[in-house]
Amino acid sequence: GNLELVKKRGHQFNAQVPLVVIDELSALTRTKDVKSFMEAALVWDDILRAKVKTIRAGKGKLRGRKYKRAKSILIVTGEDKGLARAARNLAGVDVITQDQINTELLAPGTFPGRLTIYTESAIAKLEEAMK
């Protein structure tokens, strides 16, 4: 990850990029456990940023798309053991396995630099897939 691109995209955090964490993260099954992890990893401010709704400019308001909401953190795991269910209620957070990774998730709206958290097993599987 490029720190300048991530900051330029508007993410608010006090951690280093890229964030690589232990595999126990993917075993979390409660939202409050994920929240306490995000606070410990110093990225909770970014989720609060994504919680705010802004009114869309233009005619999309009239066509049923009144509000826009920011994307927050992307969590890439080697294996989902309940983390996707635990984190789905957090604003802007997406949880995927390493085989689901794509450009739209890494650069929503074609703007690169999404704040991404990788588990150690996801990094290992990505390196194996690149061989």
N, C-alpha and C. Protein backbone atom coordinates (compact mmCIF):
# COMPACT_ATOMS: atom_id res chain seq x y z
N GLY A 1 0.81 -1.18 0.00
CA GLY A 1 0.00 0.00 0.00
C GLY A 1 0.85 1.25 0.00
N ASN A 2 0.35 2.27 -0.61
CA ASN A 2 1.02 3.55 -0.68
C ASN A 2 0.32 4.50 0.29
N LEU A 3 1.04 4.96 1.31
CA LEU A 3 0.46 5.80 2.36
C LEU A 3 -0.13 7.08 1.79
N GLU A 4 0.53 7.68 0.81
CA GLU A 4 0.03 8.92 0.22
C GLU A 4 -1.31 8.71 -0.47
N LEU A 5 -1.44 7.60 -1.24
CA LEU A 5 -2.70 7.33 -1.93
C LEU A 5 -3.83 7.07 -0.95
N VAL A 6 -3.53 6.35 0.12
CA VAL A 6 -4.57 6.02 1.10
C VAL A 6 -5.04 7.28 1.81
N LYS A 7 -4.11 8.14 2.21
CA LYS A 7 -4.48 9.41 2.86
C LYS A 7 -5.23 10.32 1.89
N LYS A 8 -4.79 10.36 0.62
CA LYS A 8 -5.43 11.22 -0.37
C LYS A 8 -6.87 10.80 -0.63
N ARG A 9 -7.14 9.51 -0.51
CA ARG A 9 -8.49 8.99 -0.72
C ARG A 9 -9.43 9.40 0.42
N GLY A 10 -8.88 9.89 1.53
CA GLY A 10 -9.70 10.40 2.62
C GLY A 10 -9.79 9.49 3.83
N HIS A 11 -9.08 8.38 3.84
CA HIS A 11 -9.13 7.49 4.99
C HIS A 11 -8.48 8.14 6.20
N GLN A 12 -9.08 7.91 7.38
CA GLN A 12 -8.56 8.48 8.62
C GLN A 12 -8.08 7.34 9.51
N PHE A 13 -6.78 7.30 9.78
CA PHE A 13 -6.20 6.24 10.59
C PHE A 13 -4.84 6.67 11.08
N ASN A 14 -4.32 5.95 12.07
CA ASN A 14 -3.00 6.26 12.63
C ASN A 14 -2.08 5.05 12.59
N ALA A 15 -2.26 4.18 11.63
CA ALA A 15 -1.48 2.94 11.54
C ALA A 15 -0.58 2.98 10.31
N GLN A 16 0.28 1.99 10.20
CA GLN A 16 1.16 1.86 9.04
C GLN A 16 0.43 1.12 7.92
N VAL A 17 0.87 1.36 6.70
CA VAL A 17 0.28 0.70 5.54
C VAL A 17 1.35 -0.15 4.90
N PRO A 18 1.14 -1.37 4.49
CA PRO A 18 -0.09 -2.16 4.61
C PRO A 18 -0.23 -2.75 6.01
N LEU A 19 -1.47 -2.94 6.41
CA LEU A 19 -1.77 -3.54 7.71
C LEU A 19 -1.84 -5.05 7.55
N VAL A 20 -0.93 -5.76 8.17
CA VAL A 20 -0.94 -7.22 8.15
C VAL A 20 -1.13 -7.69 9.58
N VAL A 21 -2.17 -8.52 9.80
CA VAL A 21 -2.51 -8.96 11.16
C VAL A 21 -2.50 -10.49 11.22
N ILE A 22 -2.60 -11.01 12.43
CA ILE A 22 -2.58 -12.46 12.62
C ILE A 22 -3.91 -13.07 12.16
N ASP A 23 -3.91 -14.37 11.94
CA ASP A 23 -5.08 -15.06 11.39
C ASP A 23 -6.25 -15.15 12.35
N GLU A 24 -6.04 -14.88 13.64
CA GLU A 24 -7.14 -14.95 14.60
C GLU A 24 -8.23 -13.91 14.30
N LEU A 25 -7.91 -12.89 13.52
CA LEU A 25 -8.91 -11.90 13.14
C LEU A 25 -10.06 -12.55 12.39
N SER A 26 -9.78 -13.49 11.51
CA SER A 26 -10.84 -14.11 10.70
C SER A 26 -11.74 -15.01 11.52
N ALA A 27 -11.36 -15.33 12.76
CA ALA A 27 -12.19 -16.18 13.62
C ALA A 27 -13.14 -15.37 14.49
N LEU A 28 -13.08 -14.05 14.44
CA LEU A 28 -13.99 -13.24 15.24
C LEU A 28 -15.42 -13.39 14.72
N THR A 29 -16.37 -13.57 15.65
CA THR A 29 -17.75 -13.80 15.23
C THR A 29 -18.72 -12.77 15.79
N ARG A 30 -18.24 -11.83 16.59
CA ARG A 30 -19.11 -10.81 17.16
C ARG A 30 -18.68 -9.43 16.69
N THR A 31 -19.66 -8.57 16.41
CA THR A 31 -19.36 -7.23 15.93
C THR A 31 -18.57 -6.44 16.97
N LYS A 32 -18.91 -6.61 18.25
CA LYS A 32 -18.18 -5.85 19.28
C LYS A 32 -16.72 -6.28 19.37
N ASP A 33 -16.43 -7.55 19.05
CA ASP A 33 -15.03 -8.00 19.02
C ASP A 33 -14.28 -7.35 17.86
N VAL A 34 -14.95 -7.25 16.71
CA VAL A 34 -14.34 -6.60 15.54
C VAL A 34 -14.11 -5.12 15.84
N LYS A 35 -15.08 -4.49 16.52
CA LYS A 35 -14.95 -3.08 16.87
C LYS A 35 -13.75 -2.86 17.79
N SER A 36 -13.59 -3.72 18.80
CA SER A 36 -12.45 -3.56 19.71
C SER A 36 -11.13 -3.79 18.99
N PHE A 37 -11.11 -4.71 18.01
CA PHE A 37 -9.90 -4.91 17.21
C PHE A 37 -9.59 -3.66 16.39
N MET A 38 -10.61 -3.07 15.76
CA MET A 38 -10.40 -1.87 14.93
C MET A 38 -9.89 -0.71 15.78
N GLU A 39 -10.41 -0.59 17.01
CA GLU A 39 -9.93 0.47 17.89
C GLU A 39 -8.47 0.23 18.27
N ALA A 40 -8.11 -1.03 18.53
CA ALA A 40 -6.73 -1.35 18.89
C ALA A 40 -5.79 -1.15 17.70
N ALA A 41 -6.28 -1.39 16.48
CA ALA A 41 -5.46 -1.23 15.28
C ALA A 41 -5.43 0.22 14.80
N LEU A 42 -6.10 1.12 15.52
CA LEU A 42 -6.12 2.56 15.23
C LEU A 42 -6.77 2.89 13.90
N VAL A 43 -7.80 2.14 13.51
CA VAL A 43 -8.51 2.43 12.26
C VAL A 43 -10.00 2.69 12.48
N TRP A 44 -10.43 2.80 13.74
CA TRP A 44 -11.86 2.99 14.03
C TRP A 44 -12.36 4.34 13.50
N ASP A 45 -11.51 5.36 13.47
CA ASP A 45 -11.91 6.68 12.97
C ASP A 45 -12.39 6.61 11.53
N ASP A 46 -11.83 5.69 10.75
CA ASP A 46 -12.23 5.57 9.35
C ASP A 46 -13.65 5.00 9.24
N ILE A 47 -14.03 4.12 10.14
CA ILE A 47 -15.39 3.57 10.12
C ILE A 47 -16.38 4.66 10.52
N LEU A 48 -16.01 5.50 11.47
CA LEU A 48 -16.88 6.62 11.84
C LEU A 48 -17.04 7.59 10.68
N ARG A 49 -15.97 7.78 9.90
CA ARG A 49 -16.05 8.64 8.71
C ARG A 49 -17.04 8.09 7.70
N ALA A 50 -17.04 6.76 7.53
CA ALA A 50 -17.91 6.13 6.53
C ALA A 50 -19.36 6.06 6.98
N LYS A 51 -19.61 6.30 8.26
CA LYS A 51 -20.97 6.20 8.78
C LYS A 51 -21.84 7.39 8.35
N VAL A 52 -21.21 8.47 7.98
CA VAL A 52 -21.92 9.70 7.62
C VAL A 52 -22.51 9.57 6.22
N LYS A 53 -23.80 9.93 6.09
CA LYS A 53 -24.45 9.94 4.78
C LYS A 53 -24.41 11.35 4.22
N THR A 54 -24.11 11.49 2.94
CA THR A 54 -24.16 12.79 2.29
C THR A 54 -25.21 12.74 1.19
N ILE A 55 -25.83 13.86 0.94
CA ILE A 55 -26.86 13.92 -0.11
C ILE A 55 -26.17 14.06 -1.46
N ARG A 56 -26.57 13.20 -2.37
CA ARG A 56 -25.98 13.14 -3.71
C ARG A 56 -26.33 14.39 -4.51
N ALA A 57 -25.39 14.87 -5.32
CA ALA A 57 -25.66 15.97 -6.24
C ALA A 57 -26.35 15.42 -7.48
N GLY A 58 -27.16 16.24 -8.11
CA GLY A 58 -27.76 15.85 -9.39
C GLY A 58 -29.12 15.19 -9.26
N LYS A 59 -29.55 14.57 -10.36
CA LYS A 59 -30.90 14.01 -10.44
C LYS A 59 -31.02 12.63 -9.82
N GLY A 60 -29.90 12.05 -9.39
CA GLY A 60 -29.97 10.75 -8.73
C GLY A 60 -30.86 10.79 -7.50
N LYS A 61 -30.97 11.97 -6.88
CA LYS A 61 -31.85 12.12 -5.72
C LYS A 61 -33.29 11.79 -6.07
N LEU A 62 -33.69 12.19 -7.25
CA LEU A 62 -35.08 11.98 -7.68
C LEU A 62 -35.33 10.54 -8.11
N ARG A 63 -34.25 9.82 -8.36
CA ARG A 63 -34.37 8.47 -8.91
C ARG A 63 -34.08 7.40 -7.87
N GLY A 64 -34.25 7.74 -6.61
CA GLY A 64 -34.12 6.74 -5.56
C GLY A 64 -32.73 6.53 -5.04
N ARG A 65 -31.79 7.43 -5.39
CA ARG A 65 -30.41 7.30 -4.90
C ARG A 65 -30.02 8.59 -4.18
N LYS A 66 -30.79 8.95 -3.15
CA LYS A 66 -30.61 10.23 -2.51
C LYS A 66 -29.28 10.36 -1.76
N TYR A 67 -28.87 9.30 -1.07
CA TYR A 67 -27.70 9.39 -0.21
C TYR A 67 -26.50 8.64 -0.76
N LYS A 68 -25.32 9.18 -0.48
CA LYS A 68 -24.06 8.49 -0.79
C LYS A 68 -23.40 8.15 0.54
N ARG A 69 -22.75 7.01 0.58
CA ARG A 69 -22.04 6.60 1.79
C ARG A 69 -20.63 6.16 1.39
N ALA A 70 -19.65 6.56 2.17
CA ALA A 70 -18.25 6.27 1.85
C ALA A 70 -17.92 4.80 2.08
N LYS A 71 -16.91 4.32 1.36
CA LYS A 71 -16.35 3.00 1.61
C LYS A 71 -15.27 3.15 2.66
N SER A 72 -15.18 2.18 3.54
CA SER A 72 -14.19 2.24 4.60
C SER A 72 -13.12 1.18 4.39
N ILE A 73 -13.01 0.23 5.28
CA ILE A 73 -11.90 -0.72 5.30
C ILE A 73 -12.25 -1.98 4.52
N LEU A 74 -11.27 -2.49 3.80
CA LEU A 74 -11.37 -3.79 3.14
C LEU A 74 -10.51 -4.77 3.93
N ILE A 75 -11.11 -5.88 4.36
CA ILE A 75 -10.38 -6.91 5.10
C ILE A 75 -10.25 -8.12 4.20
N VAL A 76 -9.00 -8.52 3.92
CA VAL A 76 -8.73 -9.68 3.07
C VAL A 76 -8.22 -10.80 3.98
N THR A 77 -8.96 -11.92 4.00
CA THR A 77 -8.59 -13.05 4.86
C THR A 77 -8.25 -14.26 4.00
N GLY A 78 -7.56 -15.20 4.60
CA GLY A 78 -7.26 -16.45 3.91
C GLY A 78 -8.47 -17.36 3.91
N GLU A 79 -9.23 -17.32 5.00
CA GLU A 79 -10.41 -18.16 5.14
C GLU A 79 -11.39 -17.45 6.06
N ASP A 80 -12.65 -17.35 5.65
CA ASP A 80 -13.65 -16.66 6.45
C ASP A 80 -14.26 -17.64 7.45
N LYS A 81 -14.04 -17.37 8.73
CA LYS A 81 -14.58 -18.24 9.78
C LYS A 81 -15.65 -17.52 10.58
N GLY A 82 -16.32 -16.55 9.98
CA GLY A 82 -17.37 -15.81 10.66
C GLY A 82 -17.12 -14.32 10.69
N LEU A 83 -15.99 -13.87 10.19
CA LEU A 83 -15.66 -12.45 10.22
C LEU A 83 -16.59 -11.63 9.34
N ALA A 84 -16.98 -12.16 8.18
CA ALA A 84 -17.85 -11.42 7.26
C ALA A 84 -19.19 -11.12 7.93
N ARG A 85 -19.71 -12.07 8.68
CA ARG A 85 -20.98 -11.88 9.37
C ARG A 85 -20.81 -10.89 10.53
N ALA A 86 -19.68 -10.94 11.20
CA ALA A 86 -19.44 -10.05 12.34
C ALA A 86 -19.23 -8.61 11.89
N ALA A 87 -18.62 -8.41 10.73
CA ALA A 87 -18.26 -7.06 10.29
C ALA A 87 -19.26 -6.44 9.33
N ARG A 88 -20.29 -7.18 8.94
CA ARG A 88 -21.20 -6.64 7.92
C ARG A 88 -22.03 -5.47 8.42
N ASN A 89 -22.14 -5.29 9.74
CA ASN A 89 -22.93 -4.19 10.27
C ASN A 89 -22.10 -2.93 10.52
N LEU A 90 -20.81 -2.99 10.22
CA LEU A 90 -19.95 -1.82 10.36
C LEU A 90 -19.96 -1.04 9.04
N ALA A 91 -20.08 0.28 9.15
CA ALA A 91 -20.25 1.13 7.97
C ALA A 91 -19.06 1.06 7.03
N GLY A 92 -19.31 0.69 5.78
CA GLY A 92 -18.30 0.73 4.74
C GLY A 92 -17.29 -0.39 4.75
N VAL A 93 -17.39 -1.35 5.67
CA VAL A 93 -16.41 -2.42 5.78
C VAL A 93 -16.81 -3.58 4.87
N ASP A 94 -15.86 -4.08 4.09
CA ASP A 94 -16.07 -5.26 3.25
C ASP A 94 -15.06 -6.32 3.68
N VAL A 95 -15.53 -7.58 3.77
CA VAL A 95 -14.66 -8.70 4.13
C VAL A 95 -14.69 -9.69 2.98
N ILE A 96 -13.51 -10.05 2.47
CA ILE A 96 -13.41 -11.00 1.36
C ILE A 96 -12.28 -11.98 1.64
N THR A 97 -12.30 -13.09 0.91
CA THR A 97 -11.15 -13.99 0.94
C THR A 97 -10.21 -13.58 -0.19
N GLN A 98 -8.98 -14.08 -0.15
CA GLN A 98 -7.97 -13.63 -1.11
C GLN A 98 -8.33 -13.98 -2.54
N ASP A 99 -9.15 -15.00 -2.78
CA ASP A 99 -9.51 -15.36 -4.16
C ASP A 99 -10.61 -14.47 -4.72
N GLN A 100 -11.25 -13.65 -3.88
CA GLN A 100 -12.31 -12.74 -4.34
C GLN A 100 -11.80 -11.33 -4.62
N ILE A 101 -10.53 -11.09 -4.44
CA ILE A 101 -9.99 -9.74 -4.56
C ILE A 101 -10.07 -9.27 -6.01
N ASN A 102 -10.51 -8.01 -6.20
CA ASN A 102 -10.59 -7.45 -7.55
C ASN A 102 -10.36 -5.94 -7.50
N THR A 103 -10.30 -5.34 -8.66
CA THR A 103 -9.97 -3.92 -8.77
C THR A 103 -11.05 -3.04 -8.16
N GLU A 104 -12.30 -3.39 -8.33
CA GLU A 104 -13.39 -2.55 -7.81
C GLU A 104 -13.34 -2.47 -6.29
N LEU A 105 -12.93 -3.54 -5.63
CA LEU A 105 -12.83 -3.53 -4.18
C LEU A 105 -11.60 -2.75 -3.71
N LEU A 106 -10.51 -2.83 -4.44
CA LEU A 106 -9.29 -2.12 -4.05
C LEU A 106 -9.32 -0.64 -4.43
N ALA A 107 -10.09 -0.29 -5.46
CA ALA A 107 -10.17 1.10 -5.91
C ALA A 107 -11.63 1.44 -6.23
N PRO A 108 -12.49 1.60 -5.20
CA PRO A 108 -13.90 1.88 -5.46
C PRO A 108 -14.07 3.19 -6.22
N GLY A 109 -14.90 3.17 -7.24
CA GLY A 109 -15.13 4.36 -8.04
C GLY A 109 -13.91 4.79 -8.82
N THR A 110 -13.02 3.89 -9.10
CA THR A 110 -11.77 4.08 -9.85
C THR A 110 -10.74 4.94 -9.11
N PHE A 111 -10.92 5.16 -7.80
CA PHE A 111 -9.96 5.94 -7.03
C PHE A 111 -9.11 4.98 -6.20
N PRO A 112 -7.83 4.81 -6.53
CA PRO A 112 -7.00 3.83 -5.83
C PRO A 112 -6.65 4.27 -4.41
N GLY A 113 -6.26 3.30 -3.60
CA GLY A 113 -5.77 3.61 -2.27
C GLY A 113 -6.73 3.29 -1.15
N ARG A 114 -7.53 2.25 -1.28
CA ARG A 114 -8.44 1.88 -0.21
C ARG A 114 -7.65 1.28 0.95
N LEU A 115 -8.01 1.64 2.16
CA LEU A 115 -7.37 1.12 3.35
C LEU A 115 -7.70 -0.36 3.48
N THR A 116 -6.68 -1.21 3.44
CA THR A 116 -6.87 -2.66 3.40
C THR A 116 -6.10 -3.32 4.52
N ILE A 117 -6.76 -4.28 5.18
CA ILE A 117 -6.14 -5.09 6.23
C ILE A 117 -6.02 -6.50 5.69
N TYR A 118 -4.81 -7.05 5.71
CA TYR A 118 -4.56 -8.41 5.24
C TYR A 118 -4.24 -9.30 6.44
N THR A 119 -4.71 -10.55 6.40
CA THR A 119 -4.24 -11.52 7.39
C THR A 119 -3.00 -12.21 6.83
N GLU A 120 -2.25 -12.85 7.72
CA GLU A 120 -1.01 -13.52 7.29
C GLU A 120 -1.30 -14.63 6.29
N SER A 121 -2.39 -15.38 6.51
CA SER A 121 -2.71 -16.47 5.58
C SER A 121 -3.12 -15.94 4.21
N ALA A 122 -3.78 -14.77 4.17
CA ALA A 122 -4.15 -14.18 2.89
C ALA A 122 -2.91 -13.78 2.10
N ILE A 123 -1.92 -13.22 2.78
CA ILE A 123 -0.67 -12.85 2.12
C ILE A 123 0.02 -14.09 1.57
N ALA A 124 0.06 -15.16 2.37
CA ALA A 124 0.71 -16.39 1.93
C ALA A 124 0.01 -16.98 0.72
N LYS A 125 -1.33 -16.98 0.72
CA LYS A 125 -2.08 -17.55 -0.40
C LYS A 125 -1.96 -16.68 -1.65
N LEU A 126 -1.89 -15.35 -1.47
CA LEU A 126 -1.69 -14.46 -2.62
C LEU A 126 -0.31 -14.67 -3.24
N GLU A 127 0.71 -14.83 -2.40
CA GLU A 127 2.05 -15.09 -2.92
C GLU A 127 2.10 -16.43 -3.66
N GLU A 128 1.39 -17.42 -3.13
CA GLU A 128 1.35 -18.73 -3.78
C GLU A 128 0.63 -18.65 -5.12
N ALA A 129 -0.43 -17.84 -5.20
CA ALA A 129 -1.18 -17.71 -6.44
C ALA A 129 -0.39 -16.95 -7.51
N MET A 130 0.53 -16.08 -7.09
CA MET A 130 1.31 -15.29 -8.03
C MET A 130 2.49 -16.06 -8.62
N LYS A 131 2.80 -17.24 -8.09
CA LYS A 131 3.92 -18.02 -8.61
C LYS A 131 3.60 -18.65 -9.94
